[in-house]
Amino acid sequence: MEGWIKIHRKMLDNPVVCKDAEYLAVWMYLLLNASHDGYKACFKGEKITLHPGQLITGRKSIADKLSINESKVKRILQAFKNDQQIDQQPSNKNSLITILNWDEYQKSDQQNSQQMTSKRPASNQQVTTNKNVRMKECEKKDIESGAFHPPTADDVMGYCSEKGYRMDAERFVDFYEAKGWMVGKNKMKDWRAAVRNWARQDKQTSNVNPVKKNQFNNFHQREYDYKKLEEQLLGR
């Protein structure tokens, strides 16, 4: 299975999903294996259509994939159901699981992409609205079309991670949002180039004003007025 999904930071506030590492692993398994588009499947010996946010799986499959005890997988799925995170329809071999509120977090981007694509010239209508599109392909199409789409902090953070940059992504976005995404008197054309320039400037600044370190665990070196200390010790 290829493609990507959205992970909202609100997930960290969910005490059930984040109860422990195995709860989180099962939740991620469900998200990553859920359907993005309707397709035919067999459940309870009948042909059904899986809708976005649904998957057919079993406790044993999840346990084998994640190396988690099968009885715990059962408890985790029941906890998700009790917390109204999922709906579960069991059968003798497996279960049909529906991730509730899937559309709220996953489908919104697809709808926005369709609206943006409909406003472009006919020559640019090749952009797909399917969420199973690789990020590299999306970046390439944006550059080729000449269209500029302001990045989110997550976009910038992902690009910095890819390039190995250490910079504050939210500060970068806030700075250019305040300037209307202008570079001087011109509209920004490539935010990735702006990120590279920003990272270079940060590096140059840190090289010009290095922080003094001592030999003890890299603690910040304090600046002392030794003459004043001597006078205090001698009672002058």
Protein backbone atom coordinates (compact mmCIF):
# COMPACT_ATOMS: atom_id res chain seq x y z
CA MET A 1 0.00 0.00 0.00
CA GLU A 2 1.37 3.39 -1.00
CA GLY A 3 0.51 7.02 -0.23
CA TRP A 4 0.15 9.03 2.97
CA ILE A 5 -2.41 10.14 5.54
CA LYS A 6 -2.89 13.16 7.78
CA ILE A 7 -1.98 12.88 11.45
CA HIS A 8 -3.50 15.63 13.59
CA ARG A 9 -1.66 16.84 16.69
CA LYS A 10 -4.91 16.46 18.67
CA MET A 11 -4.15 12.74 18.70
CA LEU A 12 -1.57 13.40 21.44
CA ASP A 13 -4.39 14.65 23.70
CA ASN A 14 -6.35 11.39 23.40
CA PRO A 15 -5.73 9.36 26.57
CA VAL A 16 -7.00 6.13 24.98
CA VAL A 17 -4.99 6.23 21.75
CA CYS A 18 -1.86 7.32 23.63
CA LYS A 19 -2.32 5.03 26.64
CA ASP A 20 0.89 3.21 25.73
CA ALA A 21 3.06 2.43 22.71
CA GLU A 22 1.00 -0.62 21.71
CA TYR A 23 -2.29 1.32 21.75
CA LEU A 24 -0.70 3.95 19.52
CA ALA A 25 0.76 1.28 17.21
CA VAL A 26 -2.65 -0.35 16.68
CA TRP A 27 -4.26 3.04 16.01
CA MET A 28 -1.63 3.87 13.40
CA TYR A 29 -2.13 0.42 11.83
CA LEU A 30 -5.84 1.12 11.43
CA LEU A 31 -5.25 4.58 9.93
CA LEU A 32 -2.60 3.37 7.50
CA ASN A 33 -4.62 0.40 6.30
CA ALA A 34 -8.01 2.10 5.99
CA SER A 35 -9.46 2.61 2.53
CA HIS A 36 -9.20 6.04 0.86
CA ASP A 37 -11.62 5.24 -1.96
CA GLY A 38 -14.56 2.88 -2.22
CA TYR A 39 -13.72 -0.57 -3.55
CA LYS A 40 -15.21 -4.04 -3.58
CA ALA A 41 -14.34 -6.57 -0.86
CA CYS A 42 -15.69 -9.80 0.56
CA PHE A 43 -17.06 -9.89 4.12
CA LYS A 44 -19.12 -12.69 5.68
CA GLY A 45 -19.21 -14.39 2.30
CA GLU A 46 -20.83 -11.41 0.60
CA LYS A 47 -19.48 -8.71 -1.70
CA ILE A 48 -19.52 -5.27 -0.09
CA THR A 49 -18.14 -1.83 -0.89
CA LEU A 50 -15.54 -0.52 1.54
CA HIS A 51 -15.97 3.21 2.05
CA PRO A 52 -13.20 5.67 3.00
CA GLY A 53 -12.10 5.00 6.58
CA GLN A 54 -13.03 1.30 6.53
CA LEU A 55 -10.89 -1.83 6.53
CA ILE A 56 -11.28 -5.57 6.97
CA THR A 57 -8.76 -7.08 9.35
CA GLY A 58 -8.46 -9.42 12.30
CA ARG A 59 -6.86 -9.52 15.72
CA LYS A 60 -4.36 -12.17 14.60
CA SER A 61 -3.28 -10.13 11.56
CA ILE A 62 -2.71 -7.06 13.71
CA ALA A 63 -0.92 -9.07 16.40
CA ASP A 64 1.41 -10.73 13.89
CA LYS A 65 2.17 -7.46 12.09
CA LEU A 66 2.91 -5.46 15.26
CA SER A 67 4.28 -8.28 17.46
CA ILE A 68 1.62 -7.62 20.10
CA ASN A 69 -0.21 -10.27 22.11
CA GLU A 70 -3.51 -11.11 20.42
CA SER A 71 -5.50 -10.80 23.65
CA LYS A 72 -4.17 -7.28 24.11
CA VAL A 73 -5.11 -6.38 20.53
CA LYS A 74 -8.65 -7.46 21.42
CA ARG A 75 -8.66 -5.19 24.50
CA ILE A 76 -7.25 -2.28 22.51
CA LEU A 77 -9.90 -2.55 19.78
CA GLN A 78 -12.62 -2.75 22.41
CA ALA A 79 -11.22 0.36 24.12
CA PHE A 80 -11.27 2.23 20.80
CA LYS A 81 -14.87 1.16 20.27
CA ASN A 82 -15.92 2.20 23.78
CA ASP A 83 -14.27 5.59 23.20
CA GLN A 84 -16.20 5.95 19.93
CA GLN A 85 -13.03 6.03 17.86
CA ILE A 86 -14.12 3.05 15.74
CA ASP A 87 -17.12 0.89 14.94
CA GLN A 88 -16.52 -2.85 14.69
CA GLN A 89 -18.59 -5.56 12.99
CA PRO A 90 -17.09 -8.98 13.78
CA SER A 91 -17.34 -12.21 11.78
CA ASN A 92 -15.95 -15.70 12.32
CA LYS A 93 -12.66 -14.86 10.55
CA ASN A 94 -12.19 -11.09 10.77
CA SER A 95 -13.89 -7.76 11.44
CA LEU A 96 -15.14 -4.82 9.43
CA ILE A 97 -13.74 -1.75 11.17
CA THR A 98 -14.93 1.79 10.50
CA ILE A 99 -12.83 4.70 11.73
CA LEU A 100 -15.31 7.28 12.95
CA ASN A 101 -14.77 10.95 12.00
CA TRP A 102 -12.49 9.83 9.15
CA ASP A 103 -13.89 12.49 6.83
CA GLU A 104 -13.25 15.25 9.37
CA TYR A 105 -9.49 14.70 9.32
CA GLN A 106 -8.77 13.03 5.98
CA LYS A 107 -11.31 14.04 3.36
CA SER A 108 -11.11 17.83 3.83
CA ASP A 109 -7.79 18.07 1.98
CA GLN A 110 -9.18 16.09 -0.95
CA GLN A 111 -12.15 18.48 -1.25
CA ASN A 112 -9.88 21.55 -1.05
CA SER A 113 -7.61 20.07 -3.70
CA GLN A 114 -10.58 19.59 -6.02
CA GLN A 115 -11.63 23.23 -5.58
CA MET A 116 -8.10 24.51 -6.25
CA THR A 117 -7.71 22.31 -9.31
CA SER A 118 -11.00 23.50 -10.83
CA LYS A 119 -9.73 27.12 -10.80
CA ARG A 120 -6.54 26.34 -12.76
CA PRO A 121 -6.23 26.49 -16.58
CA ALA A 122 -7.22 23.39 -18.54
CA SER A 123 -3.56 22.52 -19.15
CA ASN A 124 -3.05 22.07 -15.42
CA GLN A 125 -6.04 19.81 -14.82
CA GLN A 126 -3.78 16.76 -14.62
CA VAL A 127 -3.30 17.25 -10.88
CA THR A 128 -5.00 14.36 -9.14
CA THR A 129 -7.19 14.81 -6.08
CA ASN A 130 -6.52 11.30 -4.79
CA LYS A 131 -4.74 11.48 -1.43
CA ASN A 132 -2.57 8.51 -2.42
CA VAL A 133 -0.18 10.82 -4.32
CA ARG A 134 3.44 11.00 -3.35
CA MET A 135 4.71 14.28 -1.96
CA LYS A 136 7.57 14.36 -4.46
CA GLU A 137 5.12 14.26 -7.38
CA CYS A 138 3.05 17.09 -5.89
CA GLU A 139 6.13 19.29 -5.46
CA LYS A 140 7.26 18.63 -9.03
CA LYS A 141 3.85 19.57 -10.47
CA ASP A 142 3.71 22.78 -8.44
CA ILE A 143 7.11 23.87 -9.73
CA GLU A 144 6.29 22.98 -13.34
CA SER A 145 2.97 24.81 -13.29
CA GLY A 146 4.51 27.93 -11.76
CA ALA A 147 1.76 28.04 -9.15
CA PHE A 148 2.69 29.15 -5.65
CA HIS A 149 0.87 27.66 -2.67
CA PRO A 150 1.94 28.99 0.76
CA PRO A 151 3.27 26.11 2.87
CA THR A 152 2.07 25.12 6.30
CA ALA A 153 4.45 24.77 9.23
CA ASP A 154 4.23 21.00 8.74
CA ASP A 155 5.29 21.36 5.09
CA VAL A 156 8.32 23.42 6.11
CA MET A 157 9.15 21.06 8.96
CA GLY A 158 9.05 18.07 6.60
CA TYR A 159 11.31 19.78 4.07
CA CYS A 160 13.78 20.79 6.80
CA SER A 161 13.86 17.21 8.05
CA GLU A 162 14.55 15.98 4.52
CA LYS A 163 17.41 18.45 4.06
CA GLY A 164 18.78 18.15 7.60
CA TYR A 165 18.10 21.80 8.49
CA ARG A 166 17.59 22.89 12.09
CA MET A 167 15.28 25.89 12.04
CA ASP A 168 11.98 27.07 13.52
CA ALA A 169 9.37 26.20 10.86
CA GLU A 170 6.56 28.11 12.59
CA ARG A 171 8.74 31.24 12.84
CA PHE A 172 9.49 30.99 9.11
CA VAL A 173 5.78 30.70 8.20
CA ASP A 174 4.73 33.49 10.59
CA PHE A 175 7.41 35.79 9.19
CA TYR A 176 6.40 35.42 5.56
CA GLU A 177 2.66 35.35 6.28
CA ALA A 178 3.06 38.75 7.91
CA LYS A 179 4.79 39.96 4.73
CA GLY A 180 2.10 38.51 2.46
CA TRP A 181 4.63 35.94 1.17
CA MET A 182 6.61 38.75 -0.47
CA VAL A 183 10.37 38.66 -1.00
CA GLY A 184 11.35 42.29 -1.26
CA LYS A 185 8.85 43.76 -3.74
CA ASN A 186 8.14 40.48 -5.51
CA LYS A 187 5.76 37.66 -4.73
CA MET A 188 7.52 34.52 -3.51
CA LYS A 189 7.83 31.88 -6.22
CA ASP A 190 9.52 28.98 -4.41
CA TRP A 191 9.17 28.63 -0.65
CA ARG A 192 11.71 25.79 -0.61
CA ALA A 193 14.37 28.16 -1.96
CA ALA A 194 13.38 30.64 0.76
CA VAL A 195 13.83 27.90 3.38
CA ARG A 196 17.32 27.14 2.05
CA ASN A 197 18.27 30.83 2.23
CA TRP A 198 16.82 31.10 5.74
CA ALA A 199 18.82 28.05 6.88
CA ARG A 200 22.04 29.49 5.41
CA GLN A 201 21.49 32.82 7.17
CA ASP A 202 20.85 31.05 10.48
CA LYS A 203 24.07 29.08 10.05
CA GLN A 204 26.07 32.20 9.23
CA THR A 205 24.66 34.01 12.28
CA SER A 206 25.53 31.13 14.59
CA ASN A 207 29.07 31.04 13.20
CA VAL A 208 29.58 34.80 13.71
CA ASN A 209 28.29 34.75 17.31
CA PRO A 210 29.19 31.32 18.71
CA VAL A 211 28.05 30.52 22.24
CA LYS A 212 30.94 30.05 24.63
CA LYS A 213 31.13 26.58 26.14
CA ASN A 214 33.25 25.14 28.93
CA GLN A 215 34.52 21.60 29.35
CA PHE A 216 31.83 20.54 31.81
CA ASN A 217 28.87 19.01 29.93
CA ASN A 218 28.60 21.94 27.52
CA PHE A 219 26.97 24.26 30.05
CA HIS A 220 26.77 27.92 29.07
CA GLN A 221 29.90 29.80 30.20
CA ARG A 222 29.09 32.66 32.57
CA GLU A 223 30.90 35.99 32.35
CA TYR A 224 32.41 37.16 35.67
CA ASP A 225 33.91 40.48 36.76
CA TYR A 226 36.94 38.97 38.53
CA LYS A 227 38.21 42.32 39.87
CA LYS A 228 34.86 42.97 41.56
CA LEU A 229 34.81 39.46 43.02
CA GLU A 230 38.31 39.95 44.44
CA GLU A 231 37.27 43.22 46.13
CA GLN A 232 34.21 41.51 47.69
CA LEU A 233 36.31 38.64 49.02
CA LEU A 234 38.86 41.02 50.56
CA GLY A 235 36.12 43.21 52.06
CA ARG A 236 37.13 46.31 50.15
